[in-house]
Amino acid sequence: MSWSNRVRLAPIILAAGLATSADASSIEVSAGHTFLITKRYETRQQSSNGNSGSSNGTDRIVEKVIAVRDDGIELEYDLPNDADAGARAREWTMPARVFLASRAECA
């Protein structure tokens, strides 16, 4: 699945840099803070006829804090700086901005 397919899940999954590495309330963030989110994966499959295959890889995305407001945090997701022109052409939905509402706003 490409990053463009994952962008729809951004408020739930991609806020990982702020929400899953530690208790989010204990992280002091401000505009300009940047996080590199890395996902490593390995898959293996074996069919009933004995054929097998495997693959592995790494996906990376940059999460940047654009603004911290009373009602939440505005984040921007983009490909890492070392992404080539081909990767940027394939992932034309980047950069993407997401507003992550504070828990008080969601209640």
C-alpha atoms as a PDB file:
ATOM      1  CA  MET A   1       0.000   0.000   0.000  1.00  0.00           C
ATOM      2  CA  SER A   2       1.450   3.366  -0.968  1.00  0.00           C
ATOM      3  CA  TRP A   3       1.533   6.383   1.338  1.00  0.00           C
ATOM      4  CA  SER A   4      -1.188   8.012  -0.747  1.00  0.00           C
ATOM      5  CA  ASN A   5      -3.538   5.190   0.248  1.00  0.00           C
ATOM      6  CA  ARG A   6      -2.596   5.642   3.885  1.00  0.00           C
ATOM      7  CA  VAL A   7      -3.242   9.381   4.000  1.00  0.00           C
ATOM      8  CA  ARG A   8      -6.945   8.712   4.568  1.00  0.00           C
ATOM      9  CA  LEU A   9      -5.972   7.133   7.880  1.00  0.00           C
ATOM     10  CA  ALA A  10      -3.753  10.030   8.886  1.00  0.00           C
ATOM     11  CA  PRO A  11      -5.670  11.238  11.955  1.00  0.00           C
ATOM     12  CA  ILE A  12      -5.687   7.719  13.369  1.00  0.00           C
ATOM     13  CA  ILE A  13      -2.356   6.232  12.335  1.00  0.00           C
ATOM     14  CA  LEU A  14       0.080   8.904  11.188  1.00  0.00           C
ATOM     15  CA  ALA A  15       0.024  10.936  14.369  1.00  0.00           C
ATOM     16  CA  ALA A  16       2.352   8.238  15.655  1.00  0.00           C
ATOM     17  CA  GLY A  17       5.245  10.625  16.171  1.00  0.00           C
ATOM     18  CA  LEU A  18       3.259  12.506  18.796  1.00  0.00           C
ATOM     19  CA  ALA A  19       0.792   9.967  20.126  1.00  0.00           C
ATOM     20  CA  THR A  20       2.390   6.543  20.387  1.00  0.00           C
ATOM     21  CA  SER A  21       6.026   6.974  21.378  1.00  0.00           C
ATOM     22  CA  ALA A  22       5.059   8.076  24.886  1.00  0.00           C
ATOM     23  CA  ASP A  23       2.122   9.508  26.735  1.00  0.00           C
ATOM     24  CA  ALA A  24       1.090  12.343  24.381  1.00  0.00           C
ATOM     25  CA  SER A  25       0.358  14.700  27.255  1.00  0.00           C
ATOM     26  CA  SER A  26       3.979  14.462  28.431  1.00  0.00           C
ATOM     27  CA  ILE A  27       5.473  15.506  25.074  1.00  0.00           C
ATOM     28  CA  GLU A  28       6.116  19.226  24.805  1.00  0.00           C
ATOM     29  CA  VAL A  29       5.897  20.163  21.128  1.00  0.00           C
ATOM     30  CA  SER A  30       5.998  23.448  19.318  1.00  0.00           C
ATOM     31  CA  ALA A  31       5.802  24.619  15.734  1.00  0.00           C
ATOM     32  CA  GLY A  32       8.788  23.389  13.766  1.00  0.00           C
ATOM     33  CA  HIS A  33       9.346  20.122  15.638  1.00  0.00           C
ATOM     34  CA  THR A  34       9.941  17.308  13.185  1.00  0.00           C
ATOM     35  CA  PHE A  35       9.670  13.534  13.651  1.00  0.00           C
ATOM     36  CA  LEU A  36      10.770  10.770  11.290  1.00  0.00           C
ATOM     37  CA  ILE A  37       8.292   7.891  11.428  1.00  0.00           C
ATOM     38  CA  THR A  38       9.718   4.579  10.222  1.00  0.00           C
ATOM     39  CA  LYS A  39       7.789   1.382   9.595  1.00  0.00           C
ATOM     40  CA  ARG A  40       9.719  -1.813   8.928  1.00  0.00           C
ATOM     41  CA  TYR A  41       7.863  -4.824   7.613  1.00  0.00           C
ATOM     42  CA  GLU A  42       8.485  -8.437   6.691  1.00  0.00           C
ATOM     43  CA  THR A  43       6.002 -10.752   5.052  1.00  0.00           C
ATOM     44  CA  ARG A  44       6.157 -14.471   4.424  1.00  0.00           C
ATOM     45  CA  GLN A  45       3.728 -16.726   2.668  1.00  0.00           C
ATOM     46  CA  GLN A  46       3.562 -20.398   1.854  1.00  0.00           C
ATOM     47  CA  SER A  47       1.010 -22.065  -0.360  1.00  0.00           C
ATOM     48  CA  SER A  48      -0.438 -25.528   0.089  1.00  0.00           C
ATOM     49  CA  ASN A  49       1.664 -26.790  -2.837  1.00  0.00           C
ATOM     50  CA  GLY A  50       4.903 -25.863  -1.072  1.00  0.00           C
ATOM     51  CA  ASN A  51       5.698 -22.638  -2.908  1.00  0.00           C
ATOM     52  CA  SER A  52       6.802 -19.824  -0.660  1.00  0.00           C
ATOM     53  CA  GLY A  53       7.827 -16.210  -0.865  1.00  0.00           C
ATOM     54  CA  SER A  54       8.854 -13.363   1.341  1.00  0.00           C
ATOM     55  CA  SER A  55       9.476  -9.660   1.189  1.00  0.00           C
ATOM     56  CA  ASN A  56      10.626  -6.939   3.518  1.00  0.00           C
ATOM     57  CA  GLY A  57      11.131  -3.244   3.425  1.00  0.00           C
ATOM     58  CA  THR A  58      10.949   0.084   5.159  1.00  0.00           C
ATOM     59  CA  ASP A  59       8.565   2.999   4.751  1.00  0.00           C
ATOM     60  CA  ARG A  60       9.442   6.430   6.101  1.00  0.00           C
ATOM     61  CA  ILE A  61       7.453   9.622   6.440  1.00  0.00           C
ATOM     62  CA  VAL A  62       8.239  12.965   8.047  1.00  0.00           C
ATOM     63  CA  GLU A  63       5.786  14.490  10.516  1.00  0.00           C
ATOM     64  CA  LYS A  64       6.232  18.226  11.126  1.00  0.00           C
ATOM     65  CA  VAL A  65       4.365  20.322  13.679  1.00  0.00           C
ATOM     66  CA  ILE A  66       2.992  23.345  11.819  1.00  0.00           C
ATOM     67  CA  ALA A  67       1.055  24.948  14.673  1.00  0.00           C
ATOM     68  CA  VAL A  68       0.043  24.192  18.243  1.00  0.00           C
ATOM     69  CA  ARG A  69      -3.315  25.746  19.089  1.00  0.00           C
ATOM     70  CA  ASP A  70      -5.689  25.567  22.045  1.00  0.00           C
ATOM     71  CA  ASP A  71      -8.003  23.263  20.070  1.00  0.00           C
ATOM     72  CA  GLY A  72      -5.316  20.906  18.716  1.00  0.00           C
ATOM     73  CA  ILE A  73      -2.197  20.490  16.602  1.00  0.00           C
ATOM     74  CA  GLU A  74      -1.756  21.104  12.876  1.00  0.00           C
ATOM     75  CA  LEU A  75       0.625  18.542  11.363  1.00  0.00           C
ATOM     76  CA  GLU A  76       2.203  18.141   7.948  1.00  0.00           C
ATOM     77  CA  TYR A  77       3.283  14.799   6.517  1.00  0.00           C
ATOM     78  CA  ASP A  78       5.811  14.580   3.717  1.00  0.00           C
ATOM     79  CA  LEU A  79       8.342  12.258   2.193  1.00  0.00           C
ATOM     80  CA  PRO A  80      11.854  12.400   3.664  1.00  0.00           C
ATOM     81  CA  ASN A  81      14.261  14.962   2.189  1.00  0.00           C
ATOM     82  CA  ASP A  82      16.204  12.224   0.416  1.00  0.00           C
ATOM     83  CA  ALA A  83      13.152  11.128  -1.644  1.00  0.00           C
ATOM     84  CA  ASP A  84      13.930  11.349  -5.350  1.00  0.00           C
ATOM     85  CA  ALA A  85      11.774  12.980  -8.029  1.00  0.00           C
ATOM     86  CA  GLY A  86      10.313   9.595  -9.002  1.00  0.00           C
ATOM     87  CA  ALA A  87       9.114   8.908  -5.453  1.00  0.00           C
ATOM     88  CA  ARG A  88       7.602  12.390  -5.250  1.00  0.00           C
ATOM     89  CA  ALA A  89       5.797  11.830  -8.572  1.00  0.00           C
ATOM     90  CA  ARG A  90       4.341   8.514  -7.308  1.00  0.00           C
ATOM     91  CA  GLU A  91       3.279  10.052  -4.007  1.00  0.00           C
ATOM     92  CA  TRP A  92       1.678  13.160  -5.463  1.00  0.00           C
ATOM     93  CA  THR A  93      -0.560  13.563  -2.397  1.00  0.00           C
ATOM     94  CA  MET A  94       2.414  14.662  -0.293  1.00  0.00           C
ATOM     95  CA  PRO A  95       2.760  16.930   1.524  1.00  0.00           C
ATOM     96  CA  ALA A  96      -0.524  16.468   3.374  1.00  0.00           C
ATOM     97  CA  ARG A  97      -1.777  18.539   6.298  1.00  0.00           C
ATOM     98  CA  VAL A  98      -3.864  17.120   9.129  1.00  0.00           C
ATOM     99  CA  PHE A  99      -5.478  18.775  12.114  1.00  0.00           C
ATOM    100  CA  LEU A 100      -5.353  16.596  15.226  1.00  0.00           C
ATOM    101  CA  ALA A 101      -8.007  17.915  17.649  1.00  0.00           C
ATOM    102  CA  SER A 102      -7.213  17.937  21.338  1.00  0.00           C
ATOM    103  CA  ARG A 103      -8.989  15.379  23.484  1.00  0.00           C
ATOM    104  CA  ALA A 104     -11.064  18.136  25.091  1.00  0.00           C
ATOM    105  CA  GLU A 105     -12.355  19.137  21.627  1.00  0.00           C
ATOM    106  CA  CYS A 106     -13.287  15.524  20.815  1.00  0.00           C
ATOM    107  CA  ALA A 107     -15.322  14.993  23.998  1.00  0.00           C
END
